[in-house]
Amino acid sequence: MTTNSLSTSALDTSALHTSSLNPGLPRPSAPGLGFGTGNGNRIGSGSGSGSGANHPPSQPASGMDKALAHILVWDWPVRIGHWVLAALFTLAWLTGDSEEWRLVHAALGGALLGLVLFRLLWGFIGSYHARFSNFVRGRQAVLDYVGGLLAGPFGNKVEDTAGHNAAAGWAILAMLTLGLLTALSGWIAYQGDTWEAFGEVHEFLATAMLWIVVIHILGVLVSSLAHGENLIAAMFTGYKLGRAGEAITRTYPLVVPLVLAWAGLWAWWVTL
């Protein structure tokens, strides 16, 4: 074997070694805000203009792919919608018993209704981890997850999932359902004395939603400890621990102003 052949063989071996350390999808060096390039391709192979964000993540191809790293999971509409909904519900709760703030309370409820309607739609057409089909699981999955949290040592049997866990999926459905019913009952009660009885229904639903929100927050804190990551920060940055093949490739930033305008339209309409 010639010297050139040995050199070529060494280069080939080095290339194979490099390939094993660099599986197809790049990973961010640190969590960021997920702006990426103009089309939202912060993470992903190819141009990212395809439908990778809306299809099941690719299966890990090597041992390195199975390692957890910070990947882009939450798109902009999910993140902004989450925090705006939280703010609207908080403000609506604080203004609920004041006759002086009645109009503001109604506007807040209208905006909340608009955002809930959008989130329900986004649960069918949004990015991969935003879709109901990818985080709403059966009863056994919820029981297994909760059982894992209670197992000792703490959290050693919880599932590793990039998106919402099984328990969070049902909490989200409960909050969206209660948010929808609370806003609708409040709008009916706002129509005049004839519908005043709906005010009691409205208060009951709002209280039920508050309890679900409290349970959700406690669940987030417990899951953060169990998974060893800050899930609250993840809903700001969009990044969570996951495998490279689970990352989304589009963040849909241009949808956000449309959603906010939609919520504003509902706030205006409800107060007419």
Foldseek 3Di string as FASTA:
>chain_A
DDPVVVVVVVVVVVVVVVCQQDDQKDDDPDFFQQCCDPQSQPIDHDPQPDQLQADAFDDDDDPNLFAKDKFFAAFPLQLVLVVLLVVLLVVLVVCVPPPVCLLVNLLSLQLNLLSLVVLVVCLPVPTHLSHLVNAADDPVQLVQQVVCCVDPPGLPRHDDDFHHGHVLSVLVVLLSVLSNLLSVLSLQCVPDPVSVVSVVVNVVSSVVNVVSVVVNVVVQVSVCVSVVHNVVVCSRRSIDIDGSRRHGRGRPPVVVVVSSVSSSVSSVVSSD
